[in-house]
Amino acid sequence: MVSKGTRLPARLATRLRARLRAQRRLWVRRWRARSLDGTNVLFPTVGHGAVAIETLAGRPDAPRTGPRLAILHAAAGSGHRHAAEALAAAIGRERPESLVRAVDTLVFASRFYRDTYASSYNMMAARAPALWAAIYHSSERGPVNRGTAPMRLAMDRLNLRRLVQVLERERPDAVVCTHFLPVEVLSPRRGKGRLEVPLYCVITDFTAHPFWAFPHVDRYFVASQQVADELNGHGVPAERIEVTGIPIEPRFASTSAATSRVSGSDSTPGARPCW
């Protein structure tokens, strides 16, 4: 019997730690096998998808023969989510044979990262909007953005590896982002040819922050020509930017269109729907 305070021999302690590490690696491999292999996360053959928001027209269980689209937002504020849901609803009306998943990017991250990312923004926006505005505008400056970007991007990409794995495995016909977080993670994969599907970005703000600008996005959809010019100033080629307005729910779009016909005006000349 080992008395209290007695230490294990160094060799035995080393072997025990090695066995524990091997067991942990085995558990991790089994967990990954259960979560990433066998059953699709976004587009399962049975069911609606583990993280899907059902916004399609028609019966959810009806067979879909059209394109499979993943629309990615992030639960930091509600505007990005509403834009994603509006796009999904509009596509469902225009292309009812399609299969659309409007997904919160943060569900693929750890619980700590997810809660911290969302709660920090929501708390500052609600309780200290002036502080949030100061941080937002200071990060627009070139030196500040260049100084903070490497650490921020590394942290985001590290925590969203599972999103990359799921998309590369399930390969939707297109990925649409209404938040810059998934763009940060997916743009390098698109540039390296690892993400072999079109990557689109819908900017839901009325200004183009440098956070949105990445080189390997196939096309950007923006609210106005001013936003297009700002995005072009951040290095995005003009031929990859299209002025479409910001996505809104179809019922509001119908009202807006009717109002424009009555008044004879259009707030965004030449704009086309981005769905």
C-alpha atoms as a PDB file:
ATOM      1  CA  MET A   1       0.000   0.000   0.000  1.00  0.00           C
ATOM      2  CA  VAL A   2       1.338   3.408  -0.952  1.00  0.00           C
ATOM      3  CA  SER A   3       1.364   5.829   1.958  1.00  0.00           C
ATOM      4  CA  LYS A   4       0.207   9.418   1.692  1.00  0.00           C
ATOM      5  CA  GLY A   5       2.803  11.664   0.132  1.00  0.00           C
ATOM      6  CA  THR A   6       4.677   8.819  -1.568  1.00  0.00           C
ATOM      7  CA  ARG A   7       5.583   9.592  -5.191  1.00  0.00           C
ATOM      8  CA  LEU A   8       5.518   7.136  -8.042  1.00  0.00           C
ATOM      9  CA  PRO A   9       8.879   6.133  -9.486  1.00  0.00           C
ATOM     10  CA  ALA A  10       9.873   8.460 -12.330  1.00  0.00           C
ATOM     11  CA  ARG A  11       9.831   5.679 -14.953  1.00  0.00           C
ATOM     12  CA  LEU A  12       6.380   4.479 -13.899  1.00  0.00           C
ATOM     13  CA  ALA A  13       5.024   8.047 -13.845  1.00  0.00           C
ATOM     14  CA  THR A  14       6.370   8.634 -17.366  1.00  0.00           C
ATOM     15  CA  ARG A  15       4.756   5.444 -18.665  1.00  0.00           C
ATOM     16  CA  LEU A  16       1.458   6.350 -17.006  1.00  0.00           C
ATOM     17  CA  ARG A  17       1.416   9.819 -18.550  1.00  0.00           C
ATOM     18  CA  ALA A  18       2.204   8.322 -21.962  1.00  0.00           C
ATOM     19  CA  ARG A  19      -0.690   5.872 -21.644  1.00  0.00           C
ATOM     20  CA  LEU A  20      -3.049   8.678 -20.628  1.00  0.00           C
ATOM     21  CA  ARG A  21      -1.986  10.762 -23.613  1.00  0.00           C
ATOM     22  CA  ALA A  22      -2.507   7.790 -25.945  1.00  0.00           C
ATOM     23  CA  GLN A  23      -5.958   7.179 -24.474  1.00  0.00           C
ATOM     24  CA  ARG A  24      -6.856  10.831 -24.941  1.00  0.00           C
ATOM     25  CA  ARG A  25      -5.764  10.701 -28.605  1.00  0.00           C
ATOM     26  CA  LEU A  26      -7.945   7.635 -29.082  1.00  0.00           C
ATOM     27  CA  TRP A  27     -10.967   9.380 -27.560  1.00  0.00           C
ATOM     28  CA  VAL A  28     -10.378  12.436 -29.779  1.00  0.00           C
ATOM     29  CA  ARG A  29     -10.175  10.272 -32.926  1.00  0.00           C
ATOM     30  CA  ARG A  30     -13.393   8.465 -32.009  1.00  0.00           C
ATOM     31  CA  TRP A  31     -15.195  11.753 -31.304  1.00  0.00           C
ATOM     32  CA  ARG A  32     -14.072  13.194 -34.620  1.00  0.00           C
ATOM     33  CA  ALA A  33     -15.133  10.040 -36.424  1.00  0.00           C
ATOM     34  CA  ARG A  34     -18.607  10.265 -34.919  1.00  0.00           C
ATOM     35  CA  SER A  35     -18.978  13.993 -35.593  1.00  0.00           C
ATOM     36  CA  LEU A  36     -17.414  14.295 -39.049  1.00  0.00           C
ATOM     37  CA  ASP A  37     -17.695  10.915 -40.765  1.00  0.00           C
ATOM     38  CA  GLY A  38     -20.687   8.954 -41.920  1.00  0.00           C
ATOM     39  CA  THR A  39     -23.459  11.530 -41.486  1.00  0.00           C
ATOM     40  CA  ASN A  40     -23.457  14.901 -43.186  1.00  0.00           C
ATOM     41  CA  VAL A  41     -23.907  17.924 -40.968  1.00  0.00           C
ATOM     42  CA  LEU A  42     -25.300  20.442 -43.440  1.00  0.00           C
ATOM     43  CA  PHE A  43     -26.899  18.194 -46.040  1.00  0.00           C
ATOM     44  CA  PRO A  44     -27.811  14.806 -44.516  1.00  0.00           C
ATOM     45  CA  THR A  45     -29.647  12.267 -46.662  1.00  0.00           C
ATOM     46  CA  VAL A  46     -32.340  12.071 -43.976  1.00  0.00           C
ATOM     47  CA  GLY A  47     -33.590  15.006 -41.925  1.00  0.00           C
ATOM     48  CA  HIS A  48     -33.130  18.737 -42.168  1.00  0.00           C
ATOM     49  CA  GLY A  49     -29.504  19.203 -41.126  1.00  0.00           C
ATOM     50  CA  ALA A  50     -28.210  19.435 -37.592  1.00  0.00           C
ATOM     51  CA  VAL A  51     -27.701  23.185 -37.654  1.00  0.00           C
ATOM     52  CA  ALA A  52     -30.189  24.254 -40.305  1.00  0.00           C
ATOM     53  CA  ILE A  53     -32.748  27.025 -40.129  1.00  0.00           C
ATOM     54  CA  GLU A  54     -35.661  25.854 -42.252  1.00  0.00           C
ATOM     55  CA  THR A  55     -36.661  28.745 -44.489  1.00  0.00           C
ATOM     56  CA  LEU A  56     -37.451  26.964 -47.751  1.00  0.00           C
ATOM     57  CA  ALA A  57     -40.783  27.055 -49.487  1.00  0.00           C
ATOM     58  CA  GLY A  58     -42.741  23.820 -49.740  1.00  0.00           C
ATOM     59  CA  ARG A  59     -42.558  20.675 -47.624  1.00  0.00           C
ATOM     60  CA  PRO A  60     -39.226  20.298 -45.756  1.00  0.00           C
ATOM     61  CA  ASP A  61     -39.085  16.567 -46.547  1.00  0.00           C
ATOM     62  CA  ALA A  62     -39.734  16.986 -50.269  1.00  0.00           C
ATOM     63  CA  PRO A  63     -36.837  15.786 -52.458  1.00  0.00           C
ATOM     64  CA  ARG A  64     -34.614  18.573 -53.730  1.00  0.00           C
ATOM     65  CA  THR A  65     -33.076  18.390 -57.179  1.00  0.00           C
ATOM     66  CA  GLY A  66     -31.606  21.888 -57.385  1.00  0.00           C
ATOM     67  CA  PRO A  67     -28.391  23.411 -56.039  1.00  0.00           C
ATOM     68  CA  ARG A  68     -27.286  23.006 -52.429  1.00  0.00           C
ATOM     69  CA  LEU A  69     -26.390  26.364 -50.882  1.00  0.00           C
ATOM     70  CA  ALA A  70     -24.792  27.109 -47.505  1.00  0.00           C
ATOM     71  CA  ILE A  71     -25.483  30.622 -46.188  1.00  0.00           C
ATOM     72  CA  LEU A  72     -23.203  31.441 -43.259  1.00  0.00           C
ATOM     73  CA  HIS A  73     -23.798  34.186 -40.705  1.00  0.00           C
ATOM     74  CA  ALA A  74     -22.650  34.731 -37.116  1.00  0.00           C
ATOM     75  CA  ALA A  75     -24.695  35.357 -33.971  1.00  0.00           C
ATOM     76  CA  ALA A  76     -22.980  38.660 -33.184  1.00  0.00           C
ATOM     77  CA  GLY A  77     -25.919  41.020 -33.519  1.00  0.00           C
ATOM     78  CA  SER A  78     -29.052  40.097 -35.438  1.00  0.00           C
ATOM     79  CA  GLY A  79     -28.581  41.907 -38.766  1.00  0.00           C
ATOM     80  CA  HIS A  80     -26.266  39.296 -40.290  1.00  0.00           C
ATOM     81  CA  ARG A  81     -28.647  36.490 -39.336  1.00  0.00           C
ATOM     82  CA  HIS A  82     -31.686  38.337 -40.706  1.00  0.00           C
ATOM     83  CA  ALA A  83     -29.871  38.916 -44.005  1.00  0.00           C
ATOM     84  CA  ALA A  84     -29.027  35.203 -44.239  1.00  0.00           C
ATOM     85  CA  GLU A  85     -32.602  34.190 -43.504  1.00  0.00           C
ATOM     86  CA  ALA A  86     -33.917  36.716 -46.041  1.00  0.00           C
ATOM     87  CA  LEU A  87     -31.626  35.269 -48.710  1.00  0.00           C
ATOM     88  CA  ALA A  88     -32.686  31.720 -47.867  1.00  0.00           C
ATOM     89  CA  ALA A  89     -36.370  32.662 -48.010  1.00  0.00           C
ATOM     90  CA  ALA A  90     -35.971  34.484 -51.329  1.00  0.00           C
ATOM     91  CA  ILE A  91     -34.044  31.609 -52.893  1.00  0.00           C
ATOM     92  CA  GLY A  92     -36.704  29.216 -51.626  1.00  0.00           C
ATOM     93  CA  ARG A  93     -39.363  31.234 -53.421  1.00  0.00           C
ATOM     94  CA  GLU A  94     -37.410  31.692 -56.645  1.00  0.00           C
ATOM     95  CA  ARG A  95     -35.871  28.199 -56.737  1.00  0.00           C
ATOM     96  CA  PRO A  96     -38.085  25.882 -54.650  1.00  0.00           C
ATOM     97  CA  GLU A  97     -36.136  22.848 -55.868  1.00  0.00           C
ATOM     98  CA  SER A  98     -32.974  24.122 -54.137  1.00  0.00           C
ATOM     99  CA  LEU A  99     -31.697  23.055 -50.734  1.00  0.00           C
ATOM    100  CA  VAL A 100     -30.552  25.972 -48.574  1.00  0.00           C
ATOM    101  CA  ARG A 101     -28.972  25.966 -45.127  1.00  0.00           C
ATOM    102  CA  ALA A 102     -28.735  29.243 -43.197  1.00  0.00           C
ATOM    103  CA  VAL A 103     -26.180  28.421 -40.513  1.00  0.00           C
ATOM    104  CA  ASP A 104     -24.565  30.221 -37.596  1.00  0.00           C
ATOM    105  CA  THR A 105     -20.820  29.909 -38.182  1.00  0.00           C
ATOM    106  CA  LEU A 106     -20.172  29.894 -34.436  1.00  0.00           C
ATOM    107  CA  VAL A 107     -21.865  26.505 -33.909  1.00  0.00           C
ATOM    108  CA  PHE A 108     -18.701  24.953 -35.333  1.00  0.00           C
ATOM    109  CA  ALA A 109     -16.475  26.622 -32.715  1.00  0.00           C
ATOM    110  CA  SER A 110     -15.840  25.696 -29.102  1.00  0.00           C
ATOM    111  CA  ARG A 111     -18.426  26.789 -26.561  1.00  0.00           C
ATOM    112  CA  PHE A 112     -15.962  29.199 -24.934  1.00  0.00           C
ATOM    113  CA  TYR A 113     -15.056  30.876 -28.219  1.00  0.00           C
ATOM    114  CA  ARG A 114     -18.691  30.980 -29.326  1.00  0.00           C
ATOM    115  CA  ASP A 115     -19.939  32.556 -26.109  1.00  0.00           C
ATOM    116  CA  THR A 116     -17.043  35.009 -25.893  1.00  0.00           C
ATOM    117  CA  TYR A 117     -17.285  36.128 -29.530  1.00  0.00           C
ATOM    118  CA  ALA A 118     -21.026  36.734 -29.474  1.00  0.00           C
ATOM    119  CA  SER A 119     -21.439  38.069 -25.926  1.00  0.00           C
ATOM    120  CA  SER A 120     -18.566  40.560 -26.132  1.00  0.00           C
ATOM    121  CA  TYR A 121     -20.047  42.216 -29.219  1.00  0.00           C
ATOM    122  CA  ASN A 122     -23.648  42.105 -27.989  1.00  0.00           C
ATOM    123  CA  MET A 123     -22.732  43.501 -24.566  1.00  0.00           C
ATOM    124  CA  MET A 124     -20.668  46.390 -25.947  1.00  0.00           C
ATOM    125  CA  ALA A 125     -23.230  47.243 -28.621  1.00  0.00           C
ATOM    126  CA  ALA A 126     -26.021  47.330 -26.011  1.00  0.00           C
ATOM    127  CA  ARG A 127     -24.248  48.862 -22.998  1.00  0.00           C
ATOM    128  CA  ALA A 128     -21.312  50.808 -24.399  1.00  0.00           C
ATOM    129  CA  PRO A 129     -22.115  51.766 -27.997  1.00  0.00           C
ATOM    130  CA  ALA A 130     -19.698  54.710 -27.913  1.00  0.00           C
ATOM    131  CA  LEU A 131     -16.843  52.394 -26.925  1.00  0.00           C
ATOM    132  CA  TRP A 132     -17.789  49.928 -29.641  1.00  0.00           C
ATOM    133  CA  ALA A 133     -17.915  52.728 -32.215  1.00  0.00           C
ATOM    134  CA  ALA A 134     -14.456  53.921 -31.153  1.00  0.00           C
ATOM    135  CA  ILE A 135     -13.020  50.398 -31.475  1.00  0.00           C
ATOM    136  CA  TYR A 136     -14.740  49.891 -34.827  1.00  0.00           C
ATOM    137  CA  HIS A 137     -13.463  53.136 -36.349  1.00  0.00           C
ATOM    138  CA  SER A 138      -9.939  52.800 -34.928  1.00  0.00           C
ATOM    139  CA  SER A 139      -9.644  49.333 -36.461  1.00  0.00           C
ATOM    140  CA  GLU A 140     -10.411  50.843 -39.884  1.00  0.00           C
ATOM    141  CA  ARG A 141      -7.046  52.607 -39.842  1.00  0.00           C
ATOM    142  CA  GLY A 142      -4.371  50.835 -41.811  1.00  0.00           C
ATOM    143  CA  PRO A 143      -1.667  50.588 -39.107  1.00  0.00           C
ATOM    144  CA  VAL A 144      -4.134  49.351 -36.471  1.00  0.00           C
ATOM    145  CA  ASN A 145      -5.729  46.801 -38.797  1.00  0.00           C
ATOM    146  CA  ARG A 146      -2.363  45.505 -40.016  1.00  0.00           C
ATOM    147  CA  GLY A 147      -1.094  45.236 -36.439  1.00  0.00           C
ATOM    148  CA  THR A 148      -4.066  43.313 -35.040  1.00  0.00           C
ATOM    149  CA  ALA A 149      -5.080  41.241 -38.080  1.00  0.00           C
ATOM    150  CA  PRO A 150      -2.493  38.414 -37.845  1.00  0.00           C
ATOM    151  CA  MET A 151      -3.417  37.413 -34.283  1.00  0.00           C
ATOM    152  CA  ARG A 152      -7.156  37.854 -34.876  1.00  0.00           C
ATOM    153  CA  LEU A 153      -7.145  35.815 -38.074  1.00  0.00           C
ATOM    154  CA  ALA A 154      -5.026  33.054 -36.547  1.00  0.00           C
ATOM    155  CA  MET A 155      -7.396  32.751 -33.586  1.00  0.00           C
ATOM    156  CA  ASP A 156     -10.530  32.714 -35.757  1.00  0.00           C
ATOM    157  CA  ARG A 157      -9.138  30.142 -38.187  1.00  0.00           C
ATOM    158  CA  LEU A 158      -7.925  27.911 -35.377  1.00  0.00           C
ATOM    159  CA  ASN A 159     -11.342  27.876 -33.712  1.00  0.00           C
ATOM    160  CA  LEU A 160     -13.304  27.270 -36.914  1.00  0.00           C
ATOM    161  CA  ARG A 161     -11.369  24.322 -38.314  1.00  0.00           C
ATOM    162  CA  ARG A 162     -14.458  22.132 -38.076  1.00  0.00           C
ATOM    163  CA  LEU A 163     -16.404  24.499 -40.350  1.00  0.00           C
ATOM    164  CA  VAL A 164     -13.680  24.085 -42.973  1.00  0.00           C
ATOM    165  CA  GLN A 165     -13.743  20.295 -42.599  1.00  0.00           C
ATOM    166  CA  VAL A 166     -17.515  20.114 -42.983  1.00  0.00           C
ATOM    167  CA  LEU A 167     -17.623  22.340 -46.077  1.00  0.00           C
ATOM    168  CA  GLU A 168     -14.725  20.604 -47.784  1.00  0.00           C
ATOM    169  CA  ARG A 169     -16.341  17.230 -47.132  1.00  0.00           C
ATOM    170  CA  GLU A 170     -19.959  18.051 -48.023  1.00  0.00           C
ATOM    171  CA  ARG A 171     -19.097  20.442 -50.880  1.00  0.00           C
ATOM    172  CA  PRO A 172     -22.224  22.568 -51.371  1.00  0.00           C
ATOM    173  CA  ASP A 173     -22.686  24.118 -54.787  1.00  0.00           C
ATOM    174  CA  ALA A 174     -21.944  27.566 -53.341  1.00  0.00           C
ATOM    175  CA  VAL A 175     -21.148  29.256 -50.027  1.00  0.00           C
ATOM    176  CA  VAL A 176     -22.628  32.682 -49.246  1.00  0.00           C
ATOM    177  CA  CYS A 177     -21.411  34.680 -46.220  1.00  0.00           C
ATOM    178  CA  THR A 178     -23.343  37.521 -44.586  1.00  0.00           C
ATOM    179  CA  HIS A 179     -20.682  38.000 -41.893  1.00  0.00           C
ATOM    180  CA  PHE A 180     -16.955  38.534 -42.305  1.00  0.00           C
ATOM    181  CA  LEU A 181     -16.009  35.745 -39.867  1.00  0.00           C
ATOM    182  CA  PRO A 182     -16.573  32.823 -42.292  1.00  0.00           C
ATOM    183  CA  VAL A 183     -14.941  34.860 -45.068  1.00  0.00           C
ATOM    184  CA  GLU A 184     -11.787  35.168 -42.945  1.00  0.00           C
ATOM    185  CA  VAL A 185     -11.648  31.419 -42.524  1.00  0.00           C
ATOM    186  CA  LEU A 186     -12.642  30.286 -46.022  1.00  0.00           C
ATOM    187  CA  SER A 187     -10.850  32.775 -48.262  1.00  0.00           C
ATOM    188  CA  PRO A 188      -7.380  31.184 -47.810  1.00  0.00           C
ATOM    189  CA  ARG A 189      -8.834  27.717 -48.483  1.00  0.00           C
ATOM    190  CA  ARG A 190     -10.455  29.038 -51.648  1.00  0.00           C
ATOM    191  CA  GLY A 191      -7.158  30.585 -52.735  1.00  0.00           C
ATOM    192  CA  LYS A 192      -5.298  27.292 -52.232  1.00  0.00           C
ATOM    193  CA  GLY A 193      -7.943  25.329 -54.138  1.00  0.00           C
ATOM    194  CA  ARG A 194      -9.008  23.354 -51.054  1.00  0.00           C
ATOM    195  CA  LEU A 195     -12.508  24.871 -51.149  1.00  0.00           C
ATOM    196  CA  GLU A 196     -13.658  23.924 -54.640  1.00  0.00           C
ATOM    197  CA  VAL A 197     -16.952  25.820 -54.629  1.00  0.00           C
ATOM    198  CA  PRO A 198     -17.764  29.486 -55.289  1.00  0.00           C
ATOM    199  CA  LEU A 199     -17.398  31.759 -52.262  1.00  0.00           C
ATOM    200  CA  TYR A 200     -19.702  34.799 -52.172  1.00  0.00           C
ATOM    201  CA  CYS A 201     -19.976  37.594 -49.623  1.00  0.00           C
ATOM    202  CA  VAL A 202     -22.953  39.861 -48.933  1.00  0.00           C
ATOM    203  CA  ILE A 203     -21.856  42.957 -46.990  1.00  0.00           C
ATOM    204  CA  THR A 204     -24.723  43.853 -44.672  1.00  0.00           C
ATOM    205  CA  ASP A 205     -23.320  47.248 -43.626  1.00  0.00           C
ATOM    206  CA  PHE A 206     -23.560  50.613 -45.335  1.00  0.00           C
ATOM    207  CA  THR A 207     -19.790  50.942 -45.196  1.00  0.00           C
ATOM    208  CA  ALA A 208     -16.976  48.579 -46.172  1.00  0.00           C
ATOM    209  CA  HIS A 209     -14.729  47.902 -43.186  1.00  0.00           C
ATOM    210  CA  PRO A 210     -11.341  46.302 -44.021  1.00  0.00           C
ATOM    211  CA  PHE A 211     -12.537  43.225 -42.088  1.00  0.00           C
ATOM    212  CA  TRP A 212     -14.654  42.351 -45.148  1.00  0.00           C
ATOM    213  CA  ALA A 213     -11.898  42.592 -47.776  1.00  0.00           C
ATOM    214  CA  PHE A 214     -10.229  39.307 -48.784  1.00  0.00           C
ATOM    215  CA  PRO A 215      -8.569  38.313 -52.059  1.00  0.00           C
ATOM    216  CA  HIS A 216     -10.195  34.973 -52.854  1.00  0.00           C
ATOM    217  CA  VAL A 217     -13.903  35.830 -52.694  1.00  0.00           C
ATOM    218  CA  ASP A 218     -15.541  35.139 -56.071  1.00  0.00           C
ATOM    219  CA  ARG A 219     -18.028  37.999 -55.785  1.00  0.00           C
ATOM    220  CA  TYR A 220     -19.133  40.655 -53.321  1.00  0.00           C
ATOM    221  CA  PHE A 221     -22.679  42.031 -53.139  1.00  0.00           C
ATOM    222  CA  VAL A 222     -22.945  45.475 -51.543  1.00  0.00           C
ATOM    223  CA  ALA A 223     -25.557  48.046 -50.581  1.00  0.00           C
ATOM    224  CA  SER A 224     -24.469  51.009 -52.706  1.00  0.00           C
ATOM    225  CA  GLN A 225     -21.847  52.361 -55.079  1.00  0.00           C
ATOM    226  CA  GLN A 226     -20.194  54.119 -52.128  1.00  0.00           C
ATOM    227  CA  VAL A 227     -19.658  50.780 -50.402  1.00  0.00           C
ATOM    228  CA  ALA A 228     -18.359  49.336 -53.676  1.00  0.00           C
ATOM    229  CA  ASP A 229     -15.822  52.163 -53.971  1.00  0.00           C
ATOM    230  CA  GLU A 230     -14.688  51.690 -50.362  1.00  0.00           C
ATOM    231  CA  LEU A 231     -14.276  47.957 -50.889  1.00  0.00           C
ATOM    232  CA  ASN A 232     -12.316  48.591 -54.074  1.00  0.00           C
ATOM    233  CA  GLY A 233     -10.105  50.943 -52.056  1.00  0.00           C
ATOM    234  CA  HIS A 234      -9.300  48.036 -49.743  1.00  0.00           C
ATOM    235  CA  GLY A 235      -7.922  46.061 -52.691  1.00  0.00           C
ATOM    236  CA  VAL A 236     -10.940  44.129 -53.987  1.00  0.00           C
ATOM    237  CA  PRO A 237     -11.103  44.312 -57.819  1.00  0.00           C
ATOM    238  CA  ALA A 238     -14.090  46.295 -59.106  1.00  0.00           C
ATOM    239  CA  GLU A 239     -15.162  43.446 -61.416  1.00  0.00           C
ATOM    240  CA  ARG A 240     -15.807  41.278 -58.357  1.00  0.00           C
ATOM    241  CA  ILE A 241     -18.169  43.779 -56.731  1.00  0.00           C
ATOM    242  CA  GLU A 242     -21.853  44.084 -57.575  1.00  0.00           C
ATOM    243  CA  VAL A 243     -24.266  46.686 -56.200  1.00  0.00           C
ATOM    244  CA  THR A 244     -27.490  44.904 -55.227  1.00  0.00           C
ATOM    245  CA  GLY A 245     -28.712  46.474 -51.987  1.00  0.00           C
ATOM    246  CA  ILE A 246     -28.977  44.639 -48.672  1.00  0.00           C
ATOM    247  CA  PRO A 247     -31.148  41.489 -48.442  1.00  0.00           C
ATOM    248  CA  ILE A 248     -34.498  41.971 -46.734  1.00  0.00           C
ATOM    249  CA  GLU A 249     -37.394  39.611 -46.194  1.00  0.00           C
ATOM    250  CA  PRO A 250     -39.492  39.123 -49.350  1.00  0.00           C
ATOM    251  CA  ARG A 251     -42.616  40.572 -47.699  1.00  0.00           C
ATOM    252  CA  PHE A 252     -40.740  43.827 -47.057  1.00  0.00           C
ATOM    253  CA  ALA A 253     -39.250  43.755 -50.546  1.00  0.00           C
ATOM    254  CA  SER A 254     -42.741  43.525 -52.045  1.00  0.00           C
ATOM    255  CA  THR A 255     -43.884  46.489 -49.992  1.00  0.00           C
ATOM    256  CA  SER A 256     -40.771  48.452 -50.925  1.00  0.00           C
ATOM    257  CA  ALA A 257     -41.215  47.687 -54.630  1.00  0.00           C
ATOM    258  CA  ALA A 258     -44.857  48.755 -54.519  1.00  0.00           C
ATOM    259  CA  THR A 259     -43.907  51.994 -52.751  1.00  0.00           C
ATOM    260  CA  SER A 260     -41.236  52.706 -55.352  1.00  0.00           C
ATOM    261  CA  ARG A 261     -43.706  52.195 -58.204  1.00  0.00           C
ATOM    262  CA  VAL A 262     -46.197  54.567 -56.587  1.00  0.00           C
ATOM    263  CA  SER A 263     -43.631  57.249 -55.802  1.00  0.00           C
ATOM    264  CA  GLY A 264     -41.692  56.769 -59.023  1.00  0.00           C
ATOM    265  CA  SER A 265     -38.415  56.571 -57.087  1.00  0.00           C
ATOM    266  CA  ASP A 266     -35.773  53.953 -56.357  1.00  0.00           C
ATOM    267  CA  SER A 267     -33.310  54.374 -53.501  1.00  0.00           C
ATOM    268  CA  THR A 268     -30.633  52.346 -55.292  1.00  0.00           C
ATOM    269  CA  PRO A 269     -30.577  53.059 -59.040  1.00  0.00           C
ATOM    270  CA  GLY A 270     -29.493  50.100 -61.090  1.00  0.00           C
ATOM    271  CA  ALA A 271     -29.531  47.746 -58.121  1.00  0.00           C
ATOM    272  CA  ARG A 272     -30.557  44.141 -58.685  1.00  0.00           C
ATOM    273  CA  PRO A 273     -31.628  41.556 -56.150  1.00  0.00           C
ATOM    274  CA  CYS A 274     -28.633  39.550 -54.888  1.00  0.00           C
ATOM    275  CA  TRP A 275     -30.501  36.236 -54.756  1.00  0.00           C
END
